[in-house]
Every structure is written in C-alpha cells, then in structure tokens.
C-alpha cells in the first residue's frame, strides 16, 4: 500500500514533468528569452508562485536535471573498479548518462537553444562545476592521491578537462547540425587535450 509520502512524491514528479514539457514546447516554439514565466504558468494551468515551488529559475527548466544527472554519474563512477584509469572511467559514465532517449532532432533543437542563450550557458557551466566537485574524490582515489593532500591538482584538472571536452563535443555536434557522432567528437577532444598539450 502506498504511503502518503510516496503518493506526494509521485504527484510532484508528475507535475514537474508536465511543467517541463509545457515550458520546453514554448521555448522551442518562440525562443527561450522570449518566453516568460507567466506564459509557462498560464500554459501549465498553475500560478507563478507554484512555478517557483518546482524551479528556482527559468533556466532550471532546461538544465535542472543536470544536477540530478551528476549524482547518477557519481554513483555509477563508484561502481567502476579503481583499477580502471580515470579518463576511461569518466568516458564510461558520461556516455551512460548521456543516453537520454530523446529523438536526435529534439536534442539538436535543445542543444542549439542552450548554446545560443547566454543565461543557459552560464547555468550549464555552474551545474558542471557541481559535477566536478562530485567526481573529483573518486578520481583522486584512482590516482592514489591521499585524501588529505590539498596540493595535488591532478584529479581536479582531469575532471575539469573531461567535462570541458564533453561541452566542446556538444558545441561541435550542434554546429554540424547533428551530422557528426557525439561520442567520436568527445574522444577527439580528449585526444587533443591529452596528446597535444605538451
């Protein structure tokens, strides 16, 4: 039998998903910056105040799941044996997390909107910095860096570089109108960082 908390949680998730769907349709139809919170609330049949119960900002409608996705990436990273090298472990978890199940045409529209909207780009970078904080401890262990060592920047540098490569791959994929393979673009970006940085 369902508990009240379970029912409340499911109801909240359903409302969150519905508001997100309505908002994304408006964003893609008329543009992110042209769409107001009041328009989203009206289309979703909720008050402006109710909107802010689910989202801190309009940008969070598009990128709010990135933080939760970061938690899933960290959880998956913890299941990969420490014998697996940092770059290989990160590649595995990034591409498992990136399997969003969205049609490529829709993903391209969303990516284009994100890369062309300064406030979304800024919010995306902020979310990826959260990813960095979550993933660095595991990479430090893979490198054999003592938990108390505050001077070794290697793990931070690897995670930050891997996330930057992921972002660059997305930008390049968007510029090619989705014609290039996203995973291949990521691998090429990583090779450029690892082999041409000397």
Protein backbone atom coordinates (compact mmCIF):
# COMPACT_ATOMS: atom_id res chain seq x y z
CA UNK A 1 0.00 0.00 0.00
CA UNK A 2 1.34 3.44 -0.94
CA UNK A 3 2.38 5.77 1.83
CA UNK A 4 1.26 9.43 1.74
CA UNK A 5 4.88 10.45 1.16
CA UNK A 6 5.14 8.11 -1.81
CA UNK A 7 1.95 9.45 -3.34
CA UNK A 8 3.07 13.05 -2.77
CA UNK A 9 6.45 12.35 -4.36
CA UNK A 10 4.85 10.76 -7.42
CA UNK A 11 2.42 13.67 -7.76
CA UNK A 12 5.27 16.16 -7.52
CA UNK A 13 7.29 14.31 -10.15
CA UNK A 14 4.30 14.21 -12.47
CA UNK A 15 3.71 17.95 -12.05
CA UNK A 16 7.42 18.66 -12.58
CA UNK A 17 7.44 16.63 -15.78
CA UNK A 18 4.26 18.28 -17.07
CA UNK A 19 5.52 21.81 -16.41
CA UNK A 20 8.84 20.94 -18.05
CA UNK A 21 7.08 19.57 -21.14
CA UNK A 22 4.87 22.66 -21.46
CA UNK A 23 7.79 25.04 -20.94
CA UNK A 24 10.07 23.25 -23.41
CA UNK A 25 7.35 23.39 -26.07
CA UNK A 26 7.09 27.16 -25.56
CA UNK A 27 10.87 27.61 -25.57
CA UNK A 28 11.27 25.71 -28.83
CA UNK A 29 8.32 27.47 -30.44
CA UNK A 30 9.04 31.09 -29.55
CA UNK A 31 12.56 31.13 -28.09
CA UNK A 32 13.91 30.84 -24.56
CA UNK A 33 14.41 34.54 -23.89
CA UNK A 34 11.05 35.44 -25.45
CA UNK A 35 9.16 33.03 -23.18
CA UNK A 36 8.14 34.37 -19.78
CA UNK A 37 7.47 32.52 -16.56
CA UNK A 38 3.94 33.91 -16.60
CA UNK A 39 3.37 32.32 -20.03
CA UNK A 40 4.68 28.97 -18.77
CA UNK A 41 2.48 29.12 -15.68
CA UNK A 42 -0.60 30.01 -17.72
CA UNK A 43 0.00 27.25 -20.26
CA UNK A 44 0.57 24.71 -17.46
CA UNK A 45 -2.51 25.86 -15.57
CA UNK A 46 -0.61 26.87 -12.43
CA UNK A 47 0.20 30.11 -10.64
CA UNK A 48 3.52 31.91 -10.91
CA UNK A 49 4.08 31.07 -7.25
CA UNK A 50 3.52 27.38 -7.98
CA UNK A 51 6.14 27.52 -10.75
CA UNK A 52 8.75 28.56 -8.19
CA UNK A 53 7.86 25.59 -6.00
CA UNK A 54 9.33 23.39 -8.71
CA UNK A 55 12.01 25.56 -10.33
CA UNK A 56 14.36 28.17 -8.92
CA UNK A 57 14.81 29.88 -12.29
CA UNK A 58 13.57 29.63 -15.85
CA UNK A 59 16.98 28.17 -16.77
CA UNK A 60 16.38 25.28 -14.36
CA UNK A 61 13.51 24.07 -16.54
CA UNK A 62 16.08 23.27 -19.24
CA UNK A 63 19.06 22.39 -17.06
CA UNK A 64 17.65 21.46 -13.67
CA UNK A 65 18.14 17.76 -14.32
CA UNK A 66 21.89 18.26 -14.78
CA UNK A 67 22.42 18.28 -11.02
CA UNK A 68 20.47 15.04 -10.57
CA UNK A 69 22.31 13.60 -13.55
CA UNK A 70 25.59 14.47 -11.83
CA UNK A 71 24.54 12.40 -8.82
CA UNK A 72 23.81 9.44 -11.09
CA UNK A 73 27.20 9.87 -12.78
CA UNK A 74 28.92 9.86 -9.39
CA UNK A 75 27.01 6.77 -8.23
CA UNK A 76 27.94 4.91 -11.41
CA UNK A 77 31.57 6.03 -11.15
CA UNK A 78 31.73 4.48 -7.68
CA UNK A 79 30.82 1.08 -9.17
CA UNK A 80 33.73 1.08 -11.61
CA UNK A 81 36.84 -0.66 -10.19
CA UNK A 82 39.59 1.72 -9.12
CA UNK A 83 41.93 -0.19 -11.43
CA UNK A 84 40.20 1.47 -14.41
CA UNK A 85 42.12 4.60 -15.45
CA UNK A 86 40.48 7.99 -14.72
CA UNK A 87 39.88 9.03 -18.34
CA UNK A 88 38.38 5.63 -19.23
CA UNK A 89 36.14 5.60 -16.16
CA UNK A 90 34.88 9.12 -16.88
CA UNK A 91 34.16 8.30 -20.51
CA UNK A 92 32.08 5.30 -19.46
CA UNK A 93 29.92 7.22 -17.01
CA UNK A 94 29.50 10.26 -19.26
CA UNK A 95 28.10 8.23 -22.13
CA UNK A 96 25.85 6.14 -19.96
CA UNK A 97 24.41 9.36 -18.50
CA UNK A 98 24.13 10.93 -21.95
CA UNK A 99 21.76 8.22 -23.18
CA UNK A 100 18.73 10.46 -22.76
CA UNK A 101 16.48 8.58 -25.14
CA UNK A 102 15.40 11.78 -26.89
CA UNK A 103 14.98 11.88 -30.69
CA UNK A 104 18.10 13.41 -32.29
CA UNK A 105 16.05 16.23 -33.87
CA UNK A 106 14.72 17.31 -30.48
CA UNK A 107 18.13 17.00 -28.83
CA UNK A 108 19.58 19.22 -31.56
CA UNK A 109 16.94 21.92 -31.00
CA UNK A 110 17.53 21.88 -27.26
CA UNK A 111 21.32 21.95 -27.69
CA UNK A 112 21.14 24.84 -30.15
CA UNK A 113 18.93 26.79 -27.75
CA UNK A 114 21.33 26.14 -24.89
CA UNK A 115 24.50 27.11 -26.72
CA UNK A 116 22.92 30.25 -28.21
CA UNK A 117 21.44 31.56 -24.93
CA UNK A 118 24.00 33.21 -22.59
CA UNK A 119 21.98 32.63 -19.40
CA UNK A 120 21.61 28.93 -20.22
CA UNK A 121 25.32 28.61 -20.98
CA UNK A 122 26.18 30.24 -17.66
CA UNK A 123 23.80 27.96 -15.77
CA UNK A 124 25.19 24.93 -17.57
CA UNK A 125 28.74 25.83 -16.53
CA UNK A 126 27.54 26.26 -12.94
CA UNK A 127 25.96 22.80 -12.99
CA UNK A 128 29.10 21.25 -14.45
CA UNK A 129 31.16 22.79 -11.65
CA UNK A 130 28.89 20.85 -9.29
CA UNK A 131 29.70 17.71 -11.27
CA UNK A 132 33.39 18.45 -10.82
CA UNK A 133 33.06 18.65 -7.05
CA UNK A 134 31.15 15.36 -7.00
CA UNK A 135 33.55 13.41 -9.24
CA UNK A 136 36.95 14.62 -8.06
CA UNK A 137 37.11 12.50 -4.85
CA UNK A 138 36.75 9.27 -6.85
CA UNK A 139 39.38 10.33 -9.37
CA UNK A 140 41.75 11.25 -6.55
CA UNK A 141 41.44 7.68 -5.26
CA UNK A 142 42.09 6.30 -8.76
CA UNK A 143 45.28 8.37 -8.92
CA UNK A 144 46.36 7.28 -5.45
CA UNK A 145 46.24 10.82 -4.10
CA UNK A 146 45.89 10.98 -0.34
CA UNK A 147 42.55 12.41 0.80
CA UNK A 148 44.38 14.96 2.97
CA UNK A 149 46.65 16.16 0.15
CA UNK A 150 45.43 19.65 -0.72
CA UNK A 151 48.29 20.49 -3.08
CA UNK A 152 47.94 17.93 -5.88
CA UNK A 153 45.74 19.38 -8.67
CA UNK A 154 45.80 16.29 -10.92
CA UNK A 155 42.30 14.94 -10.20
CA UNK A 156 40.68 18.38 -10.46
CA UNK A 157 42.49 19.03 -13.74
CA UNK A 158 41.42 15.68 -15.25
CA UNK A 159 37.76 16.04 -14.27
CA UNK A 160 37.58 19.68 -15.38
CA UNK A 161 39.21 18.80 -18.70
CA UNK A 162 36.89 15.83 -19.28
CA UNK A 163 33.81 17.97 -18.61
CA UNK A 164 35.16 20.70 -20.90
CA UNK A 165 35.69 18.08 -23.63
CA UNK A 166 32.09 16.95 -23.17
CA UNK A 167 30.89 20.53 -23.58
CA UNK A 168 33.09 21.15 -26.64
CA UNK A 169 31.82 17.92 -28.22
CA UNK A 170 28.26 19.15 -27.72
CA UNK A 171 29.04 22.52 -29.26
CA UNK A 172 30.70 20.92 -32.27
CA UNK A 173 27.86 18.44 -32.70
CA UNK A 174 25.41 21.33 -32.70
CA UNK A 175 27.44 23.25 -35.28
CA UNK A 176 27.32 20.22 -37.59
CA UNK A 177 23.51 20.05 -37.19
CA UNK A 178 23.91 16.66 -35.55
CA UNK A 179 25.73 15.15 -38.52
CA UNK A 180 28.83 14.18 -36.54
CA UNK A 181 28.94 11.39 -33.96
CA UNK A 182 28.85 12.92 -30.47
CA UNK A 183 30.90 10.20 -28.79
CA UNK A 184 33.55 10.43 -31.52
CA UNK A 185 33.73 14.19 -31.07
CA UNK A 186 34.29 13.70 -27.34
CA UNK A 187 37.05 11.17 -27.98
CA UNK A 188 38.73 13.55 -30.44
CA UNK A 189 38.55 16.40 -27.95
CA UNK A 190 40.09 14.22 -25.24
CA UNK A 191 42.89 13.11 -27.58
CA UNK A 192 43.62 16.74 -28.38
CA UNK A 193 43.93 17.57 -24.69
CA UNK A 194 45.99 14.51 -23.79
CA UNK A 195 48.30 14.32 -26.79
CA UNK A 196 48.72 17.91 -27.92
CA UNK A 197 49.08 19.73 -24.63
CA UNK A 198 52.85 19.40 -24.45
